Amino acid sequence: MPADSARPFQPVKMQQIRQVVASEFDAVNDFIIDQLHSNVPLVENIGHYIVDAGGKRLRPLLSLLSAGTIGEITQHHIKLASVIEFIHTATLLHDDVVDLSDLRRGRPTANANWGNAPSVLVGDFLYSRAFQILVDIGNMPLMGLLSSTTNTVAEGEVLQLTRAGQADTDEATYYSVIRSKTAVLFAAACSGAAILSNQNDATRSALHSYGMNLGIAFQLVDDVLDYAGNPEETGKNIGDDLAEGKPTLPLIFVMQNGKPSDADRVRQAITEKSAAHLDSIVTAVADSGALQYCRDAAQTYSNAAIAAISELKDNHYKSALTALADIALGRNS
């Protein structure tokens, strides 16, 4: 048994987790920059702007750690991680246009700087570049996974759009939205690595389940931070979801369990897509127990993520995946 299997590395911070795949992570970043090349300067300008904004690069990190957990991290895994990041970045560009957002990661969105049309079109460029890379990898099962994943993400975005302003949205619909628009890409990042490593269905399923549950936990915490986060840390304004009429779980909980006056106020805010009474709604969310309810749900999904990979061989990559599921719960941004 290798030394790292006998004494698993136990990371406690995101930076420590990245160190597990430091050289591969750098290779992903270099490949992303290389693949942003275009003969149209505006494409490169916007592409570099949003990619250089930073962020956690969580999804490509999942691909690398998943690959390491089950075997060797190859150049194809580097390309997969880049594809996942391109797809994610494309959705961000499109989301900011749909949501009329002007702030992401603490700085103006691309659409705030260049306008909606260029942002949408560069998002399209990133989607198409992602699939060019997939063609270069030449793995049809992986192509099938990511084409269906991208389709599901688009459906999730449309479902969320149709529910904006709908105060009768229930928990089941909320979870359908976040599974489709967020968690499914986490799952593909993990199970895609297993496909490239020629793993059996059980291993693919285990990593897919890990990613799906982690993605749900991640989105639950994200929705908590919309009412309890520090804008300087989250990089977005408190109450953005409310202003967009998004019935996220904290608001659904208040409408179902809060004081009648608070429930009515939240319903009105969602219906009108208004953050005019943001302060009182933030208070209602806190007083109702909604934040703890959501954190408890996130803990449940985090636990499920860890359980999903419990049968995989122990090594420092798997330890990093386990720690990542814990870190997702305590993050502030």
Protein backbone atom coordinates (compact mmCIF):
# COMPACT_ATOMS: atom_id res chain seq x y z
CA MET A 1 0.00 0.00 0.00
CA PRO A 2 1.44 3.44 -0.92
CA ALA A 3 2.46 5.73 1.92
CA ASP A 4 -0.28 8.23 1.13
CA SER A 5 -2.89 5.49 1.53
CA ALA A 6 -1.58 4.51 4.95
CA ARG A 7 -1.46 8.09 6.19
CA PRO A 8 -4.13 10.12 4.36
CA PHE A 9 -3.58 13.81 4.02
CA GLN A 10 -6.23 15.75 5.98
CA PRO A 11 -6.61 19.22 4.46
CA VAL A 12 -8.59 21.81 6.36
CA LYS A 13 -8.51 24.81 4.03
CA MET A 14 -9.20 25.26 0.34
CA GLN A 15 -5.59 26.21 -0.34
CA GLN A 16 -4.42 22.98 1.24
CA ILE A 17 -6.82 21.01 -0.94
CA ARG A 18 -5.50 22.71 -4.07
CA GLN A 19 -1.98 21.76 -3.01
CA VAL A 20 -2.91 18.09 -3.41
CA VAL A 21 -3.10 18.70 -7.18
CA ALA A 22 -1.00 21.86 -7.36
CA SER A 23 0.93 21.11 -10.55
CA GLU A 24 -2.15 19.74 -12.32
CA PHE A 25 -4.20 22.75 -11.19
CA ASP A 26 -1.56 25.07 -12.68
CA ALA A 27 -1.69 23.04 -15.89
CA VAL A 28 -5.47 23.54 -16.05
CA ASN A 29 -5.09 27.30 -15.63
CA ASP A 30 -2.42 27.41 -18.34
CA PHE A 31 -4.59 25.35 -20.70
CA ILE A 32 -7.61 27.60 -20.06
CA ILE A 33 -5.61 30.71 -20.93
CA ASP A 34 -4.28 29.05 -24.08
CA GLN A 35 -7.77 28.02 -25.18
CA LEU A 36 -9.13 31.56 -24.80
CA HIS A 37 -7.25 32.56 -27.92
CA SER A 38 -9.44 34.13 -30.59
CA ASN A 39 -8.89 36.20 -33.70
CA VAL A 40 -11.57 38.56 -32.36
CA PRO A 41 -10.05 40.78 -29.63
CA LEU A 42 -13.36 41.34 -27.81
CA VAL A 43 -13.76 37.59 -27.33
CA GLU A 44 -10.37 37.38 -25.65
CA ASN A 45 -10.95 40.53 -23.59
CA ILE A 46 -14.22 39.32 -22.10
CA GLY A 47 -13.02 35.74 -21.78
CA HIS A 48 -9.92 36.76 -19.88
CA TYR A 49 -11.91 39.21 -17.75
CA ILE A 50 -14.28 36.62 -16.38
CA VAL A 51 -11.74 33.79 -16.14
CA ASP A 52 -9.18 36.05 -14.46
CA ALA A 53 -11.82 37.11 -11.92
CA GLY A 54 -10.65 34.10 -9.98
CA GLY A 55 -13.27 32.20 -8.08
CA LYS A 56 -12.62 28.86 -6.50
CA ARG A 57 -12.18 26.82 -9.70
CA LEU A 58 -14.07 24.27 -7.63
CA ARG A 59 -15.48 22.23 -10.51
CA PRO A 60 -12.15 21.62 -12.27
CA LEU A 61 -10.65 20.87 -8.87
CA LEU A 62 -13.26 18.14 -8.46
CA SER A 63 -12.25 16.58 -11.76
CA LEU A 64 -8.59 16.47 -10.77
CA LEU A 65 -9.24 15.09 -7.28
CA SER A 66 -11.66 12.49 -8.61
CA ALA A 67 -9.09 11.34 -11.15
CA GLY A 68 -6.41 11.13 -8.46
CA THR A 69 -8.70 9.18 -6.17
CA ILE A 70 -9.12 6.38 -8.70
CA GLY A 71 -5.80 6.45 -10.54
CA GLU A 72 -3.46 8.61 -12.59
CA ILE A 73 -4.24 12.22 -13.52
CA THR A 74 -3.62 12.40 -17.28
CA GLN A 75 -3.55 15.20 -19.84
CA HIS A 76 -7.09 14.22 -20.77
CA HIS A 77 -8.15 14.94 -17.20
CA ILE A 78 -6.49 18.36 -17.46
CA LYS A 79 -8.56 19.01 -20.58
CA LEU A 80 -11.75 17.74 -18.90
CA ALA A 81 -11.20 20.09 -15.96
CA SER A 82 -10.82 22.98 -18.42
CA VAL A 83 -13.98 21.98 -20.28
CA ILE A 84 -15.91 21.96 -17.01
CA GLU A 85 -14.64 25.44 -16.18
CA PHE A 86 -15.52 26.77 -19.64
CA ILE A 87 -19.06 25.43 -19.36
CA HIS A 88 -19.42 26.92 -15.89
CA THR A 89 -18.02 30.29 -16.99
CA ALA A 90 -20.39 30.37 -19.96
CA THR A 91 -23.34 29.88 -17.62
CA LEU A 92 -22.09 32.75 -15.44
CA LEU A 93 -21.98 35.10 -18.42
CA HIS A 94 -25.50 34.12 -19.44
CA ASP A 95 -26.83 34.18 -15.85
CA ASP A 96 -25.61 37.71 -15.25
CA VAL A 97 -27.45 38.90 -18.35
CA VAL A 98 -30.67 37.09 -17.43
CA ASP A 99 -30.49 38.27 -13.82
CA LEU A 100 -29.45 41.83 -14.75
CA SER A 101 -26.55 41.43 -12.32
CA ASP A 102 -23.91 44.14 -12.08
CA LEU A 103 -21.61 42.57 -9.47
CA ARG A 104 -19.86 39.20 -9.33
CA ARG A 105 -16.85 38.21 -7.24
CA GLY A 106 -16.64 41.76 -5.97
CA ARG A 107 -16.29 43.52 -9.32
CA PRO A 108 -18.53 44.60 -12.22
CA THR A 109 -19.96 41.79 -14.32
CA ALA A 110 -18.97 41.44 -17.96
CA ASN A 111 -22.39 42.67 -19.07
CA ALA A 112 -22.00 45.74 -16.86
CA ASN A 113 -18.73 46.54 -18.63
CA TRP A 114 -19.42 45.51 -22.24
CA GLY A 115 -23.20 45.11 -22.48
CA ASN A 116 -25.54 42.16 -22.73
CA ALA A 117 -25.04 41.14 -26.35
CA PRO A 118 -21.23 40.71 -26.18
CA SER A 119 -21.56 38.78 -22.89
CA VAL A 120 -24.08 36.34 -24.35
CA LEU A 121 -22.03 35.80 -27.50
CA VAL A 122 -18.78 35.22 -25.61
CA GLY A 123 -20.67 32.76 -23.43
CA ASP A 124 -21.60 30.96 -26.64
CA PHE A 125 -17.93 31.01 -27.68
CA LEU A 126 -16.93 29.34 -24.40
CA TYR A 127 -19.57 26.64 -24.85
CA SER A 128 -18.37 25.90 -28.37
CA ARG A 129 -14.72 25.94 -27.33
CA ALA A 130 -15.53 23.43 -24.58
CA PHE A 131 -16.96 21.02 -27.13
CA GLN A 132 -14.03 21.55 -29.46
CA ILE A 133 -11.80 20.34 -26.62
CA LEU A 134 -14.10 17.37 -26.05
CA VAL A 135 -13.80 16.41 -29.70
CA ASP A 136 -10.03 16.56 -29.31
CA ILE A 137 -10.25 14.21 -26.29
CA GLY A 138 -12.23 11.85 -28.48
CA ASN A 139 -14.18 9.95 -25.82
CA MET A 140 -17.79 9.45 -26.87
CA PRO A 141 -19.17 8.45 -23.45
CA LEU A 142 -17.66 11.63 -22.03
CA MET A 143 -19.11 13.64 -24.90
CA GLY A 144 -22.50 12.11 -24.18
CA LEU A 145 -22.24 12.94 -20.47
CA LEU A 146 -21.30 16.56 -20.98
CA SER A 147 -23.72 17.22 -23.83
CA SER A 148 -26.62 15.94 -21.70
CA THR A 149 -25.26 17.82 -18.68
CA THR A 150 -25.10 21.09 -20.58
CA ASN A 151 -28.65 20.52 -21.80
CA THR A 152 -29.83 19.87 -18.23
CA VAL A 153 -28.11 23.02 -16.97
CA ALA A 154 -29.95 25.04 -19.63
CA GLU A 155 -33.25 23.44 -18.63
CA GLY A 156 -32.54 24.26 -14.99
CA GLU A 157 -31.91 27.88 -15.86
CA VAL A 158 -35.18 28.06 -17.79
CA LEU A 159 -37.06 26.39 -14.92
CA GLN A 160 -35.61 28.91 -12.50
CA LEU A 161 -36.61 31.73 -14.84
CA THR A 162 -40.18 30.46 -15.06
CA ARG A 163 -40.41 30.28 -11.26
CA ALA A 164 -39.14 33.83 -10.72
CA GLY A 165 -41.91 35.84 -9.12
CA GLN A 166 -43.86 32.68 -8.25
CA ALA A 167 -44.44 32.67 -4.51
CA ASP A 168 -46.16 29.26 -4.63
CA THR A 169 -42.88 27.48 -5.48
CA ASP A 170 -42.39 24.50 -3.16
CA GLU A 171 -39.28 22.73 -1.89
CA ALA A 172 -39.51 19.98 -4.49
CA THR A 173 -39.36 22.51 -7.31
CA TYR A 174 -36.53 24.38 -5.59
CA TYR A 175 -34.48 21.19 -5.43
CA SER A 176 -35.27 20.41 -9.07
CA VAL A 177 -33.83 23.79 -10.01
CA ILE A 178 -30.61 23.48 -8.05
CA ARG A 179 -30.00 19.89 -9.12
CA SER A 180 -30.29 20.94 -12.75
CA LYS A 181 -28.57 24.31 -12.78
CA THR A 182 -25.80 23.64 -10.24
CA ALA A 183 -25.36 20.10 -8.95
CA VAL A 184 -25.41 18.27 -12.27
CA LEU A 185 -22.19 19.98 -13.40
CA PHE A 186 -20.50 19.03 -10.11
CA ALA A 187 -21.57 15.45 -10.77
CA ALA A 188 -20.27 15.50 -14.33
CA ALA A 189 -16.93 16.92 -13.20
CA CYS A 190 -16.48 13.89 -10.95
CA SER A 191 -17.98 11.07 -13.02
CA GLY A 192 -16.35 12.42 -16.19
CA ALA A 193 -12.97 11.79 -14.59
CA ALA A 194 -14.03 8.19 -13.93
CA ILE A 195 -15.04 7.76 -17.57
CA LEU A 196 -11.61 8.92 -18.74
CA SER A 197 -9.99 6.52 -16.25
CA ASN A 198 -12.01 3.61 -17.69
CA GLN A 199 -13.63 2.89 -14.34
CA ASN A 200 -16.60 0.55 -13.89
CA ASP A 201 -20.18 1.69 -13.46
CA ALA A 202 -20.05 1.42 -9.66
CA THR A 203 -17.11 3.84 -9.41
CA ARG A 204 -18.66 6.22 -11.91
CA SER A 205 -21.90 6.15 -9.96
CA ALA A 206 -20.13 6.74 -6.64
CA LEU A 207 -18.32 9.82 -7.93
CA HIS A 208 -21.46 11.06 -9.69
CA SER A 209 -23.39 10.78 -6.42
CA TYR A 210 -20.59 12.54 -4.54
CA GLY A 211 -20.65 15.45 -6.98
CA MET A 212 -24.44 15.70 -7.07
CA ASN A 213 -24.76 15.81 -3.29
CA LEU A 214 -21.85 18.22 -2.92
CA GLY A 215 -23.39 20.51 -5.55
CA ILE A 216 -26.71 20.60 -3.70
CA ALA A 217 -24.96 21.35 -0.40
CA PHE A 218 -22.93 24.07 -2.10
CA GLN A 219 -26.03 25.77 -3.54
CA LEU A 220 -27.89 25.57 -0.23
CA VAL A 221 -25.05 27.41 1.48
CA ASP A 222 -24.94 29.90 -1.39
CA ASP A 223 -28.63 30.64 -0.84
CA VAL A 224 -28.02 31.10 2.88
CA LEU A 225 -25.25 33.59 2.14
CA ASP A 226 -27.67 35.67 0.09
CA TYR A 227 -29.31 36.62 3.41
CA ALA A 228 -26.51 36.11 5.91
CA GLY A 229 -23.31 36.79 4.00
CA ASN A 230 -20.90 39.70 3.93
CA PRO A 231 -20.91 41.33 0.47
CA GLU A 232 -17.17 41.99 0.79
CA GLU A 233 -16.62 38.24 1.14
CA THR A 234 -19.35 36.87 -1.13
CA GLY A 235 -18.67 39.36 -3.92
CA LYS A 236 -22.37 39.99 -4.50
CA ASN A 237 -25.05 42.17 -2.99
CA ILE A 238 -27.23 40.93 -0.13
CA GLY A 239 -30.77 40.33 -1.38
CA ASP A 240 -29.91 39.90 -5.07
CA ASP A 241 -32.06 36.76 -5.26
CA LEU A 242 -34.99 38.58 -3.67
CA ALA A 243 -34.75 41.43 -6.17
CA GLU A 244 -34.88 38.85 -8.95
CA GLY A 245 -37.94 37.18 -7.45
CA LYS A 246 -36.13 33.89 -6.87
CA PRO A 247 -38.01 31.72 -4.35
CA THR A 248 -34.96 30.10 -2.74
CA LEU A 249 -35.22 27.75 0.22
CA PRO A 250 -34.78 30.38 2.96
CA LEU A 251 -37.75 32.30 1.54
CA ILE A 252 -39.82 29.16 0.97
CA PHE A 253 -39.25 28.23 4.61
CA VAL A 254 -40.44 31.65 5.84
CA MET A 255 -43.57 31.43 3.68
CA GLN A 256 -44.36 27.97 5.04
CA ASN A 257 -43.25 28.36 8.66
CA GLY A 258 -42.78 32.02 9.51
CA LYS A 259 -45.16 34.43 11.17
CA PRO A 260 -48.14 35.23 8.92
CA SER A 261 -47.06 38.85 8.53
CA ASP A 262 -43.53 37.80 7.56
CA ALA A 263 -44.83 35.14 5.17
CA ASP A 264 -47.07 37.71 3.48
CA ARG A 265 -44.21 40.18 3.18
CA VAL A 266 -41.99 37.57 1.53
CA ARG A 267 -44.75 36.50 -0.87
CA GLN A 268 -45.28 40.11 -1.90
CA ALA A 269 -41.54 40.70 -2.39
CA ILE A 270 -41.19 37.60 -4.58
CA THR A 271 -44.28 38.40 -6.61
CA GLU A 272 -43.17 42.00 -7.16
CA LYS A 273 -39.48 41.04 -7.56
CA SER A 274 -38.65 43.74 -5.08
CA ALA A 275 -36.01 44.14 -2.38
CA ALA A 276 -37.68 47.28 -1.04
CA HIS A 277 -38.25 45.63 2.35
CA LEU A 278 -34.97 43.74 2.38
CA ASP A 279 -34.03 44.57 5.98
CA SER A 280 -37.28 43.27 7.41
CA ILE A 281 -37.13 40.15 5.23
CA VAL A 282 -33.54 39.42 6.29
CA THR A 283 -34.76 39.67 9.88
CA ALA A 284 -37.71 37.39 9.13
CA VAL A 285 -35.43 34.81 7.54
CA ALA A 286 -33.20 34.83 10.61
CA ASP A 287 -36.05 34.81 13.16
CA SER A 288 -37.95 31.99 11.45
CA GLY A 289 -35.10 29.51 11.73
CA ALA A 290 -34.78 29.34 7.94
CA LEU A 291 -31.02 29.75 7.94
CA GLN A 292 -30.48 26.86 10.34
CA TYR A 293 -32.97 24.76 8.41
CA CYS A 294 -30.98 25.32 5.22
CA ARG A 295 -27.66 24.68 6.94
CA ASP A 296 -29.03 21.42 8.34
CA ALA A 297 -30.13 20.40 4.86
CA ALA A 298 -26.69 21.28 3.50
CA GLN A 299 -25.13 19.13 6.23
CA THR A 300 -27.31 16.20 5.20
CA TYR A 301 -26.20 16.47 1.58
CA SER A 302 -22.58 16.94 2.58
CA ASN A 303 -22.77 13.75 4.64
CA ALA A 304 -24.33 11.95 1.67
CA ALA A 305 -21.47 13.12 -0.56
CA ILE A 306 -18.89 11.70 1.84
CA ALA A 307 -20.81 8.44 2.19
CA ALA A 308 -21.00 8.04 -1.59
CA ILE A 309 -17.22 7.61 -1.90
CA SER A 310 -16.71 5.64 1.31
CA GLU A 311 -15.98 2.40 -0.58
CA LEU A 312 -13.30 3.93 -2.81
CA LYS A 313 -9.67 3.24 -1.90
CA ASP A 314 -8.29 5.63 0.72
CA ASN A 315 -5.61 8.07 -0.42
CA HIS A 316 -4.85 11.75 -0.01
CA TYR A 317 -7.03 12.66 -3.02
CA LYS A 318 -10.05 11.00 -1.44
CA SER A 319 -9.23 12.72 1.87
CA ALA A 320 -9.28 16.02 -0.01
CA LEU A 321 -12.71 15.23 -1.48
CA THR A 322 -13.98 14.42 2.01
CA ALA A 323 -12.56 17.64 3.43
CA LEU A 324 -14.05 19.60 0.54
CA ALA A 325 -17.52 18.41 1.51
CA ASP A 326 -16.92 19.78 5.01
CA ILE A 327 -15.45 23.07 3.79
CA ALA A 328 -18.50 23.66 1.60
CA LEU A 329 -20.58 24.03 4.76
CA GLY A 330 -18.44 26.61 6.49
CA ARG A 331 -17.58 28.88 3.59
CA ASN A 332 -18.29 32.61 3.62
CA SER A 333 -18.17 33.21 -0.12
